[in-house]
Amino acid sequence: MSDYKIPAADRWKNQYSYAFKMEVIESIENGKLSQNQASKHFGVHRKTISRWLEKYANFEKKLKEMGGKSPRQELADLRAKLRVSEGENQVLKAVMGIIEEEYGEEMLKKYLPESLIKTYPSKAKVKISHFCKLFGISRQGYYQRVKRYNETQKVQQQIVQMVKRVRKQHKHMGGKKSTWETGT
């Protein structure tokens, strides 16, 4: 005899105590057991448990009243978001392939870090490692490029300050002479 069958003598005894029903429902609502597992564990038919859940269960009702989502709804939403993200990922890879064909792989690796520094917000939810993986560069290479970019920005700012200082002192000095004066 299978573990899943209810003995014939007990099959038609449909008088379960309220406490027993609540125990079955609680085990399902807490996520300890699914309906099928509860049916096998407690020896009650699955449809009977479904009716008990409709009649006595509070979890779904409470979630709907509070505006929350049931685990099934949440899972469906997450799956939909995953499909959208996978589609976006495919589009990005296609665009990257086109750019690579047009300009070559070096162009991606050379200008990616600079463009990310300029446009990527510091508190964005996407990790740099994802960008690096998408563009085919290592994180170390990315951060080295960021460091070089920041250093060149500092040097360029210093040069601009020096040129402004010389121009302020000598308003009629030309470009060649001011370059010679600043030593740049």
N, C-alpha and C. Protein backbone atom coordinates (compact mmCIF):
# COMPACT_ATOMS: atom_id res chain seq x y z
N MET A 1 0.83 -1.18 0.00
CA MET A 1 0.00 0.00 0.00
C MET A 1 0.88 1.25 0.00
N SER A 2 0.53 2.22 -0.80
CA SER A 2 1.33 3.43 -0.93
C SER A 2 1.15 4.34 0.29
N ASP A 3 2.16 5.16 0.54
CA ASP A 3 2.11 6.11 1.66
C ASP A 3 1.10 7.22 1.40
N TYR A 4 0.77 7.40 0.14
CA TYR A 4 -0.04 8.55 -0.24
C TYR A 4 -1.54 8.28 -0.19
N LYS A 5 -1.95 7.04 -0.03
CA LYS A 5 -3.37 6.71 -0.01
C LYS A 5 -3.90 6.74 1.42
N ILE A 6 -5.11 7.21 1.53
CA ILE A 6 -5.76 7.27 2.83
C ILE A 6 -6.48 5.94 3.03
N PRO A 7 -6.33 5.32 4.19
CA PRO A 7 -7.02 4.04 4.43
C PRO A 7 -8.52 4.17 4.22
N ALA A 8 -9.15 3.10 3.72
CA ALA A 8 -10.57 3.12 3.38
C ALA A 8 -11.44 3.44 4.59
N ALA A 9 -11.07 2.94 5.75
CA ALA A 9 -11.88 3.18 6.95
C ALA A 9 -11.86 4.66 7.35
N ASP A 10 -10.74 5.32 7.14
CA ASP A 10 -10.61 6.72 7.51
C ASP A 10 -10.99 7.68 6.39
N ARG A 11 -11.20 7.14 5.20
CA ARG A 11 -11.41 7.99 4.03
C ARG A 11 -12.65 8.85 4.18
N TRP A 12 -13.70 8.33 4.70
CA TRP A 12 -14.95 9.08 4.74
C TRP A 12 -15.17 9.79 6.07
N LYS A 13 -14.21 9.75 6.94
CA LYS A 13 -14.29 10.52 8.18
C LYS A 13 -13.85 11.94 7.85
N ASN A 14 -14.77 12.80 7.65
CA ASN A 14 -14.42 14.17 7.29
C ASN A 14 -14.63 15.11 8.46
N GLN A 15 -14.48 14.63 9.63
CA GLN A 15 -14.60 15.49 10.78
C GLN A 15 -13.22 15.74 11.36
N TYR A 16 -12.65 16.85 10.92
CA TYR A 16 -11.34 17.26 11.41
C TYR A 16 -11.56 18.41 12.37
N SER A 17 -10.78 18.43 13.41
CA SER A 17 -10.92 19.52 14.38
C SER A 17 -10.40 20.82 13.78
N TYR A 18 -10.91 21.90 14.35
CA TYR A 18 -10.48 23.23 13.91
C TYR A 18 -8.98 23.40 14.13
N ALA A 19 -8.46 22.90 15.23
CA ALA A 19 -7.03 23.01 15.53
C ALA A 19 -6.21 22.26 14.48
N PHE A 20 -6.68 21.09 14.08
CA PHE A 20 -5.96 20.31 13.06
C PHE A 20 -5.95 21.08 11.73
N LYS A 21 -7.08 21.65 11.36
CA LYS A 21 -7.16 22.43 10.11
C LYS A 21 -6.18 23.61 10.16
N MET A 22 -6.15 24.28 11.30
CA MET A 22 -5.26 25.43 11.45
C MET A 22 -3.79 25.00 11.40
N GLU A 23 -3.49 23.84 11.93
CA GLU A 23 -2.12 23.33 11.88
C GLU A 23 -1.70 23.08 10.43
N VAL A 24 -2.60 22.48 9.64
CA VAL A 24 -2.31 22.22 8.23
C VAL A 24 -2.13 23.54 7.49
N ILE A 25 -3.04 24.47 7.70
CA ILE A 25 -2.98 25.77 7.00
C ILE A 25 -1.73 26.54 7.40
N GLU A 26 -1.40 26.51 8.69
CA GLU A 26 -0.21 27.22 9.17
C GLU A 26 1.07 26.66 8.55
N SER A 27 1.13 25.34 8.42
CA SER A 27 2.33 24.75 7.82
C SER A 27 2.47 25.15 6.36
N ILE A 28 1.36 25.36 5.68
CA ILE A 28 1.41 25.79 4.27
C ILE A 28 1.74 27.27 4.19
N GLU A 29 1.09 28.10 5.02
CA GLU A 29 1.32 29.54 4.99
C GLU A 29 2.74 29.91 5.41
N ASN A 30 3.32 29.17 6.32
CA ASN A 30 4.68 29.45 6.75
C ASN A 30 5.72 29.00 5.74
N GLY A 31 5.27 28.26 4.74
CA GLY A 31 6.19 27.82 3.71
C GLY A 31 6.92 26.53 4.05
N LYS A 32 6.50 25.89 5.12
CA LYS A 32 7.17 24.64 5.50
C LYS A 32 6.80 23.51 4.55
N LEU A 33 5.53 23.52 4.10
CA LEU A 33 5.05 22.47 3.21
C LEU A 33 4.22 23.09 2.09
N SER A 34 4.24 22.44 0.93
CA SER A 34 3.32 22.83 -0.13
C SER A 34 2.00 22.11 0.12
N GLN A 35 1.00 22.41 -0.70
CA GLN A 35 -0.29 21.74 -0.51
C GLN A 35 -0.15 20.23 -0.72
N ASN A 36 0.59 19.84 -1.74
CA ASN A 36 0.78 18.41 -2.01
C ASN A 36 1.53 17.73 -0.86
N GLN A 37 2.57 18.39 -0.38
CA GLN A 37 3.34 17.82 0.71
C GLN A 37 2.49 17.72 1.98
N ALA A 38 1.67 18.73 2.25
CA ALA A 38 0.79 18.71 3.42
C ALA A 38 -0.23 17.58 3.29
N SER A 39 -0.73 17.39 2.06
CA SER A 39 -1.68 16.31 1.83
C SER A 39 -1.07 14.96 2.18
N LYS A 40 0.13 14.75 1.75
CA LYS A 40 0.81 13.48 2.02
C LYS A 40 1.17 13.35 3.50
N HIS A 41 1.62 14.45 4.09
CA HIS A 41 2.09 14.43 5.48
C HIS A 41 0.94 14.21 6.46
N PHE A 42 -0.18 14.92 6.25
CA PHE A 42 -1.29 14.86 7.19
C PHE A 42 -2.35 13.83 6.81
N GLY A 43 -2.25 13.27 5.61
CA GLY A 43 -3.22 12.26 5.19
C GLY A 43 -4.57 12.82 4.84
N VAL A 44 -4.58 14.05 4.30
CA VAL A 44 -5.82 14.72 3.90
C VAL A 44 -5.73 14.99 2.41
N HIS A 45 -6.84 14.84 1.72
CA HIS A 45 -6.83 15.05 0.28
C HIS A 45 -6.48 16.50 -0.05
N ARG A 46 -5.81 16.69 -1.17
CA ARG A 46 -5.34 18.02 -1.57
C ARG A 46 -6.49 18.99 -1.78
N LYS A 47 -7.59 18.54 -2.36
CA LYS A 47 -8.74 19.42 -2.60
C LYS A 47 -9.38 19.85 -1.27
N THR A 48 -9.34 18.98 -0.30
CA THR A 48 -9.86 19.34 1.02
C THR A 48 -9.01 20.46 1.61
N ILE A 49 -7.71 20.31 1.47
CA ILE A 49 -6.80 21.36 1.97
C ILE A 49 -7.03 22.66 1.22
N SER A 50 -7.27 22.58 -0.08
CA SER A 50 -7.55 23.80 -0.86
C SER A 50 -8.80 24.49 -0.35
N ARG A 51 -9.84 23.72 -0.03
CA ARG A 51 -11.07 24.31 0.51
C ARG A 51 -10.80 24.95 1.87
N TRP A 52 -10.01 24.29 2.70
CA TRP A 52 -9.65 24.87 3.99
C TRP A 52 -8.91 26.18 3.81
N LEU A 53 -8.00 26.20 2.85
CA LEU A 53 -7.25 27.42 2.61
C LEU A 53 -8.18 28.55 2.16
N GLU A 54 -9.12 28.23 1.29
CA GLU A 54 -10.06 29.26 0.84
C GLU A 54 -10.91 29.77 2.01
N LYS A 55 -11.28 28.86 2.88
CA LYS A 55 -12.18 29.22 3.96
C LYS A 55 -11.47 29.88 5.14
N TYR A 56 -10.32 29.35 5.52
CA TYR A 56 -9.68 29.79 6.76
C TYR A 56 -8.37 30.57 6.59
N ALA A 57 -7.76 30.47 5.46
CA ALA A 57 -6.41 31.05 5.31
C ALA A 57 -6.46 32.57 5.37
N ASN A 58 -5.44 33.13 5.96
CA ASN A 58 -5.34 34.58 6.12
C ASN A 58 -4.23 35.19 5.29
N PHE A 59 -3.28 34.40 4.90
CA PHE A 59 -2.07 34.92 4.26
C PHE A 59 -2.39 35.71 3.00
N GLU A 60 -3.12 35.10 2.08
CA GLU A 60 -3.45 35.77 0.82
C GLU A 60 -4.32 37.00 1.07
N LYS A 61 -5.29 36.87 1.97
CA LYS A 61 -6.18 37.98 2.26
C LYS A 61 -5.41 39.16 2.86
N LYS A 62 -4.54 38.86 3.81
CA LYS A 62 -3.76 39.92 4.44
C LYS A 62 -2.86 40.62 3.43
N LEU A 63 -2.25 39.85 2.56
CA LEU A 63 -1.38 40.45 1.55
C LEU A 63 -2.17 41.37 0.63
N LYS A 64 -3.33 40.92 0.21
CA LYS A 64 -4.14 41.76 -0.68
C LYS A 64 -4.62 43.01 0.02
N GLU A 65 -4.99 42.90 1.29
CA GLU A 65 -5.44 44.06 2.05
C GLU A 65 -4.32 45.07 2.23
N MET A 66 -3.11 44.58 2.46
CA MET A 66 -1.97 45.48 2.66
C MET A 66 -1.37 45.94 1.35
N GLY A 67 -1.87 45.45 0.23
CA GLY A 67 -1.34 45.86 -1.06
C GLY A 67 -0.09 45.10 -1.46
N GLY A 68 0.24 44.05 -0.76
CA GLY A 68 1.43 43.27 -1.08
C GLY A 68 1.13 42.24 -2.15
N LYS A 69 2.13 41.50 -2.48
CA LYS A 69 1.99 40.46 -3.50
C LYS A 69 2.23 39.11 -2.87
N SER A 70 1.53 38.15 -3.39
CA SER A 70 1.76 36.78 -2.91
C SER A 70 3.06 36.28 -3.52
N PRO A 71 3.63 35.24 -2.96
CA PRO A 71 4.88 34.72 -3.53
C PRO A 71 4.75 34.35 -5.00
N ARG A 72 3.60 33.84 -5.39
CA ARG A 72 3.40 33.50 -6.81
C ARG A 72 3.42 34.74 -7.68
N GLN A 73 2.72 35.79 -7.23
CA GLN A 73 2.70 37.03 -8.00
C GLN A 73 4.11 37.64 -8.08
N GLU A 74 4.80 37.61 -6.98
CA GLU A 74 6.16 38.14 -6.95
C GLU A 74 7.08 37.36 -7.89
N LEU A 75 6.94 36.05 -7.89
CA LEU A 75 7.74 35.21 -8.78
C LEU A 75 7.41 35.52 -10.23
N ALA A 76 6.14 35.69 -10.55
CA ALA A 76 5.75 36.02 -11.93
C ALA A 76 6.33 37.37 -12.33
N ASP A 77 6.28 38.36 -11.43
CA ASP A 77 6.86 39.67 -11.73
C ASP A 77 8.37 39.58 -11.95
N LEU A 78 9.05 38.82 -11.10
CA LEU A 78 10.49 38.67 -11.25
C LEU A 78 10.85 37.97 -12.56
N ARG A 79 10.06 36.98 -12.94
CA ARG A 79 10.32 36.31 -14.21
C ARG A 79 10.11 37.26 -15.38
N ALA A 80 9.10 38.12 -15.30
CA ALA A 80 8.87 39.10 -16.36
C ALA A 80 10.04 40.09 -16.44
N LYS A 81 10.51 40.55 -15.29
CA LYS A 81 11.67 41.46 -15.27
C LYS A 81 12.90 40.79 -15.84
N LEU A 82 13.08 39.51 -15.54
CA LEU A 82 14.21 38.77 -16.06
C LEU A 82 14.15 38.68 -17.58
N ARG A 83 12.97 38.42 -18.12
CA ARG A 83 12.82 38.37 -19.58
C ARG A 83 13.17 39.70 -20.22
N VAL A 84 12.72 40.80 -19.60
CA VAL A 84 13.02 42.13 -20.12
C VAL A 84 14.53 42.39 -20.06
N SER A 85 15.15 42.03 -18.94
CA SER A 85 16.59 42.25 -18.79
C SER A 85 17.39 41.42 -19.79
N GLU A 86 16.96 40.19 -20.02
CA GLU A 86 17.65 39.36 -21.01
C GLU A 86 17.52 39.95 -22.40
N GLY A 87 16.35 40.50 -22.71
CA GLY A 87 16.16 41.16 -24.01
C GLY A 87 17.06 42.37 -24.15
N GLU A 88 17.14 43.18 -23.10
CA GLU A 88 18.02 44.35 -23.13
C GLU A 88 19.47 43.93 -23.29
N ASN A 89 19.84 42.86 -22.61
CA ASN A 89 21.21 42.36 -22.70
C ASN A 89 21.52 41.93 -24.14
N GLN A 90 20.59 41.25 -24.79
CA GLN A 90 20.81 40.84 -26.18
C GLN A 90 20.96 42.04 -27.09
N VAL A 91 20.15 43.08 -26.86
CA VAL A 91 20.24 44.29 -27.67
C VAL A 91 21.61 44.95 -27.47
N LEU A 92 22.03 45.06 -26.20
CA LEU A 92 23.34 45.67 -25.93
C LEU A 92 24.47 44.88 -26.59
N LYS A 93 24.40 43.57 -26.54
CA LYS A 93 25.44 42.76 -27.17
C LYS A 93 25.44 42.95 -28.68
N ALA A 94 24.25 43.08 -29.27
CA ALA A 94 24.18 43.32 -30.71
C ALA A 94 24.79 44.68 -31.06
N VAL A 95 24.49 45.69 -30.27
CA VAL A 95 25.05 47.03 -30.50
C VAL A 95 26.57 47.00 -30.34
N MET A 96 27.03 46.29 -29.31
CA MET A 96 28.48 46.19 -29.10
C MET A 96 29.14 45.49 -30.28
N GLY A 97 28.49 44.48 -30.83
CA GLY A 97 29.04 43.79 -32.00
C GLY A 97 29.13 44.72 -33.19
N ILE A 98 28.12 45.54 -33.39
CA ILE A 98 28.14 46.50 -34.51
C ILE A 98 29.26 47.51 -34.32
N ILE A 99 29.40 48.05 -33.11
CA ILE A 99 30.46 49.02 -32.84
C ILE A 99 31.83 48.37 -33.05
N GLU A 100 31.97 47.14 -32.61
CA GLU A 100 33.25 46.44 -32.76
C GLU A 100 33.57 46.22 -34.24
N GLU A 101 32.56 45.89 -35.05
CA GLU A 101 32.79 45.71 -36.49
C GLU A 101 33.17 47.02 -37.16
N GLU A 102 32.49 48.10 -36.75
CA GLU A 102 32.72 49.39 -37.39
C GLU A 102 34.07 50.00 -37.00
N TYR A 103 34.38 49.98 -35.71
CA TYR A 103 35.55 50.71 -35.22
C TYR A 103 36.66 49.84 -34.67
N GLY A 104 36.40 48.58 -34.46
CA GLY A 104 37.42 47.70 -33.92
C GLY A 104 37.31 47.55 -32.42
N GLU A 105 37.91 46.48 -31.92
CA GLU A 105 37.82 46.18 -30.49
C GLU A 105 38.59 47.18 -29.64
N GLU A 106 39.68 47.72 -30.17
CA GLU A 106 40.48 48.67 -29.40
C GLU A 106 39.68 49.90 -29.02
N MET A 107 38.79 50.31 -29.91
CA MET A 107 37.98 51.50 -29.67
C MET A 107 37.10 51.31 -28.42
N LEU A 108 36.52 50.13 -28.28
CA LEU A 108 35.69 49.86 -27.11
C LEU A 108 36.51 49.92 -25.83
N LYS A 109 37.62 49.24 -25.84
CA LYS A 109 38.44 49.17 -24.64
C LYS A 109 39.06 50.52 -24.30
N LYS A 110 39.34 51.32 -25.33
CA LYS A 110 40.00 52.59 -25.09
C LYS A 110 39.03 53.64 -24.53
N TYR A 111 37.84 53.71 -25.09
CA TYR A 111 36.94 54.80 -24.72
C TYR A 111 35.84 54.42 -23.74
N LEU A 112 35.68 53.15 -23.46
CA LEU A 112 34.66 52.75 -22.50
C LEU A 112 34.87 53.36 -21.13
N PRO A 113 36.06 53.23 -20.53
CA PRO A 113 36.21 53.78 -19.17
C PRO A 113 35.93 55.28 -19.10
N GLU A 114 36.39 56.04 -20.10
CA GLU A 114 36.16 57.48 -20.07
C GLU A 114 34.68 57.80 -20.17
N SER A 115 33.98 57.11 -21.06
CA SER A 115 32.56 57.39 -21.22
C SER A 115 31.78 56.95 -19.98
N LEU A 116 32.21 55.86 -19.34
CA LEU A 116 31.53 55.44 -18.11
C LEU A 116 31.75 56.44 -16.99
N ILE A 117 32.95 56.97 -16.89
CA ILE A 117 33.24 57.94 -15.83
C ILE A 117 32.36 59.17 -16.00
N LYS A 118 32.19 59.61 -17.24
CA LYS A 118 31.41 60.82 -17.49
C LYS A 118 29.92 60.60 -17.28
N THR A 119 29.41 59.43 -17.65
CA THR A 119 27.96 59.23 -17.64
C THR A 119 27.46 58.34 -16.53
N TYR A 120 28.29 57.51 -15.95
CA TYR A 120 27.84 56.52 -14.97
C TYR A 120 27.71 57.16 -13.60
N PRO A 121 26.50 57.18 -13.02
CA PRO A 121 26.35 57.76 -11.68
C PRO A 121 27.05 56.90 -10.63
N SER A 122 27.60 57.54 -9.63
CA SER A 122 28.39 56.82 -8.63
C SER A 122 27.53 55.89 -7.78
N LYS A 123 26.25 56.17 -7.61
CA LYS A 123 25.41 55.33 -6.77
C LYS A 123 24.44 54.50 -7.60
N ALA A 124 24.81 54.14 -8.80
CA ALA A 124 23.94 53.34 -9.65
C ALA A 124 23.88 51.91 -9.13
N LYS A 125 22.83 51.20 -9.49
CA LYS A 125 22.63 49.85 -8.98
C LYS A 125 23.38 48.81 -9.81
N VAL A 126 23.88 49.18 -10.97
CA VAL A 126 24.60 48.23 -11.82
C VAL A 126 26.07 48.23 -11.42
N LYS A 127 26.64 47.06 -11.33
CA LYS A 127 28.02 46.94 -10.90
C LYS A 127 28.96 47.16 -12.08
N ILE A 128 30.13 47.70 -11.78
CA ILE A 128 31.15 47.94 -12.81
C ILE A 128 31.57 46.61 -13.43
N SER A 129 31.59 45.55 -12.65
CA SER A 129 32.01 44.25 -13.19
C SER A 129 31.10 43.81 -14.33
N HIS A 130 29.80 44.18 -14.27
CA HIS A 130 28.89 43.84 -15.35
C HIS A 130 29.25 44.59 -16.63
N PHE A 131 29.58 45.89 -16.48
CA PHE A 131 30.01 46.66 -17.63
C PHE A 131 31.29 46.06 -18.24
N CYS A 132 32.23 45.75 -17.38
CA CYS A 132 33.51 45.22 -17.85
C CYS A 132 33.31 43.90 -18.58
N LYS A 133 32.46 43.06 -18.04
CA LYS A 133 32.19 41.77 -18.69
C LYS A 133 31.54 41.99 -20.04
N LEU A 134 30.61 42.93 -20.13
CA LEU A 134 29.92 43.22 -21.37
C LEU A 134 30.89 43.74 -22.43
N PHE A 135 31.84 44.60 -22.03
CA PHE A 135 32.76 45.20 -22.98
C PHE A 135 34.05 44.41 -23.15
N GLY A 136 34.23 43.35 -22.39
CA GLY A 136 35.39 42.49 -22.58
C GLY A 136 36.69 43.02 -22.01
N ILE A 137 36.62 43.75 -20.91
CA ILE A 137 37.84 44.21 -20.26
C ILE A 137 37.80 43.75 -18.80
N SER A 138 38.97 43.68 -18.19
CA SER A 138 39.03 43.27 -16.79
C SER A 138 38.71 44.46 -15.89
N ARG A 139 38.32 44.18 -14.66
CA ARG A 139 38.06 45.26 -13.71
C ARG A 139 39.34 46.02 -13.42
N GLN A 140 40.46 45.28 -13.34
CA GLN A 140 41.74 45.92 -13.08
C GLN A 140 42.07 46.89 -14.20
N GLY A 141 41.87 46.45 -15.44
CA GLY A 141 42.12 47.33 -16.58
C GLY A 141 41.22 48.54 -16.56
N TYR A 142 39.97 48.35 -16.16
CA TYR A 142 39.05 49.47 -16.07
C TYR A 142 39.54 50.49 -15.04
N TYR A 143 39.89 50.01 -13.85
CA TYR A 143 40.31 50.94 -12.80
C TYR A 143 41.65 51.60 -13.12
N GLN A 144 42.54 50.90 -13.81
CA GLN A 144 43.79 51.55 -14.25
C GLN A 144 43.48 52.67 -15.23
N ARG A 145 42.54 52.42 -16.13
CA ARG A 145 42.16 53.45 -17.10
C ARG A 145 41.49 54.63 -16.40
N VAL A 146 40.67 54.35 -15.39
CA VAL A 146 40.04 55.42 -14.62
C VAL A 146 41.10 56.27 -13.93
N LYS A 147 42.10 55.62 -13.36
CA LYS A 147 43.17 56.34 -12.68
C LYS A 147 43.93 57.23 -13.67
N ARG A 148 44.26 56.67 -14.84
CA ARG A 148 44.95 57.48 -15.86
C ARG A 148 44.09 58.65 -16.31
N TYR A 149 42.82 58.41 -16.48
CA TYR A 149 41.90 59.46 -16.91
C TYR A 149 41.86 60.58 -15.88
N ASN A 150 41.74 60.22 -14.60
CA ASN A 150 41.70 61.23 -13.54
C ASN A 150 43.00 62.02 -13.47
N GLU A 151 44.14 61.34 -13.66
CA GLU A 151 45.43 62.03 -13.65
C GLU A 151 45.54 63.01 -14.81
N THR A 152 45.11 62.59 -15.99
CA THR A 152 45.18 63.51 -17.14
C THR A 152 44.22 64.68 -16.96
N GLN A 153 43.07 64.44 -16.33
CA GLN A 153 42.14 65.53 -16.06
C GLN A 153 42.78 66.56 -15.13
N LYS A 154 43.49 66.09 -14.09
CA LYS A 154 44.16 67.00 -13.16
C LYS A 154 45.22 67.82 -13.89
N VAL A 155 46.02 67.15 -14.72
CA VAL A 155 47.08 67.85 -15.46
C VAL A 155 46.46 68.88 -16.40
N GLN A 156 45.39 68.50 -17.08
CA GLN A 156 44.74 69.45 -17.99
C GLN A 156 44.16 70.65 -17.24
N GLN A 157 43.61 70.42 -16.06
CA GLN A 157 43.10 71.53 -15.26
C GLN A 157 44.23 72.46 -14.82
N GLN A 158 45.39 71.88 -14.46
CA GLN A 158 46.54 72.69 -14.06
C GLN A 158 47.01 73.54 -15.24
N ILE A 159 47.05 72.95 -16.43
CA ILE A 159 47.49 73.68 -17.62
C ILE A 159 46.52 74.83 -17.90
N VAL A 160 45.24 74.57 -17.80
CA VAL A 160 44.25 75.62 -18.05
C VAL A 160 44.43 76.75 -17.04
N GLN A 161 44.67 76.41 -15.78
CA GLN A 161 44.88 77.44 -14.76
C GLN A 161 46.13 78.27 -15.06
N MET A 162 47.21 77.59 -15.50
CA MET A 162 48.44 78.32 -15.83
C MET A 162 48.21 79.25 -17.01
N VAL A 163 47.52 78.78 -18.02
CA VAL A 163 47.25 79.61 -19.20
C VAL A 163 46.38 80.79 -18.82
N LYS A 164 45.39 80.57 -17.97
CA LYS A 164 44.53 81.68 -17.54
C LYS A 164 45.32 82.72 -16.77
N ARG A 165 46.26 82.25 -15.93
CA ARG A 165 47.09 83.18 -15.15
C ARG A 165 47.96 84.04 -16.07
N VAL A 166 48.60 83.39 -17.05
CA VAL A 166 49.46 84.12 -17.97
C VAL A 166 48.63 85.08 -18.81
N ARG A 167 47.46 84.63 -19.28
CA ARG A 167 46.59 85.49 -20.08
C ARG A 167 46.10 86.69 -19.29
N LYS A 168 45.87 86.48 -17.99
CA LYS A 168 45.40 87.58 -17.15
C LYS A 168 46.49 88.64 -16.98
N GLN A 169 47.75 88.18 -16.83
CA GLN A 169 48.86 89.11 -16.66
C GLN A 169 49.22 89.80 -17.98
N HIS A 170 49.16 89.03 -19.07
CA HIS A 170 49.55 89.56 -20.39
C HIS A 170 48.37 89.38 -21.34
N LYS A 171 47.47 90.35 -21.34
CA LYS A 171 46.23 90.23 -22.08
C LYS A 171 46.43 90.18 -23.59
N HIS A 172 47.50 90.74 -24.11
CA HIS A 172 47.69 90.80 -25.56
C HIS A 172 48.71 89.79 -26.06
N MET A 173 49.11 88.84 -25.21
CA MET A 173 50.09 87.84 -25.61
C MET A 173 49.41 86.79 -26.49
N GLY A 174 50.06 86.37 -27.56
CA GLY A 174 49.50 85.39 -28.48
C GLY A 174 49.64 83.96 -27.96
N GLY A 175 49.09 83.05 -28.75
CA GLY A 175 49.08 81.64 -28.35
C GLY A 175 50.46 81.03 -28.30
N LYS A 176 51.32 81.33 -29.30
CA LYS A 176 52.65 80.72 -29.34
C LYS A 176 53.51 81.18 -28.17
N LYS A 177 53.48 82.48 -27.91
CA LYS A 177 54.30 83.01 -26.83
C LYS A 177 53.80 82.54 -25.46
N SER A 178 52.47 82.45 -25.29
CA SER A 178 51.94 82.00 -24.00
C SER A 178 52.28 80.52 -23.78
N THR A 179 52.32 79.73 -24.84
CA THR A 179 52.72 78.33 -24.74
C THR A 179 54.18 78.24 -24.31
N TRP A 180 55.01 79.11 -24.91
CA TRP A 180 56.44 79.14 -24.56
C TRP A 180 56.62 79.59 -23.12
N GLU A 181 55.84 80.56 -22.69
CA GLU A 181 55.95 81.09 -21.32
C GLU A 181 55.56 80.05 -20.27
N THR A 182 54.50 79.31 -20.54
CA THR A 182 54.01 78.34 -19.55
C THR A 182 54.83 77.05 -19.58
N GLY A 183 55.53 76.80 -20.67
CA GLY A 183 56.37 75.60 -20.76
C GLY A 183 55.56 74.34 -21.09
N THR A 184 54.41 74.52 -21.68
CA THR A 184 53.58 73.35 -22.02
C THR A 184 53.65 73.03 -23.48
